[in-house]
């Protein structure tokens, strides 16, 4: 009898706790609304959530560059738009962002942003200020079709999120003051250069692809195409890395 009472108590505890835990997990995984937040209040998880494919939720450096360029999360477009954003972070050049917007209603636009140094206005100013230079190009039907055809042909939302240099470890934890990392295979090699990030947002579906100075893979081809359409592809091929 006592054993039955004990099992009954455990069953009631389970019936109460399990729904609570499920709700907590759903609430924790749900991205927060960012539309009413200022650009300085945005954090990594606002841009790159858990469903993005690539793990960039702790990449504060990348988010810092996006906020410097006054770029907001693509999810704020809502469910009535298609957009692709390329973020190019090089070692010796200012950051560059090129975004192709395809709203369900309205004009298709190619927007580019970079930082330029503004000369000091007086000797009292200690440093040059970086200002955002923004250019917007209204796309013709032919240009829009060309860009979308290239993106559709790439099967963007099925591409690998990482390359061999950006893939995170399978296991990553700290214990007794030491960090333990275990990679699949030999693990990533060290490589200097540029960080290529390409985001895709399709009416609520989101994915992000990350590369480190890629070769001629799909991400580089798509990013190069966007820069070319925005008239920002460097003429000197040594600057493309």
Foldseek 3Di string as FASTA:
>chain_A
DVVVVVVVVVVVVCVVVVVVVVVVVVVVQDADDPPPPDLVPDAQCQAQGPQQQDPRRHVRVVSVLCSLQVHGHPCVVAQFWKKKKKWKFWDPAWIKIWMWIGGNDDFTKIKMKTWDWDDDPDPPDPGTDIDIDMDIDTDDPVRVVVLVVLVVVLVVVPDRQEDQARDAFPDWDDDPRDIDGHHDDPGHDDDHTMKIKMWIDHSHRIYIHIYGLDDPDSSLVSVQVRCVVVVNRDPDCVNRD
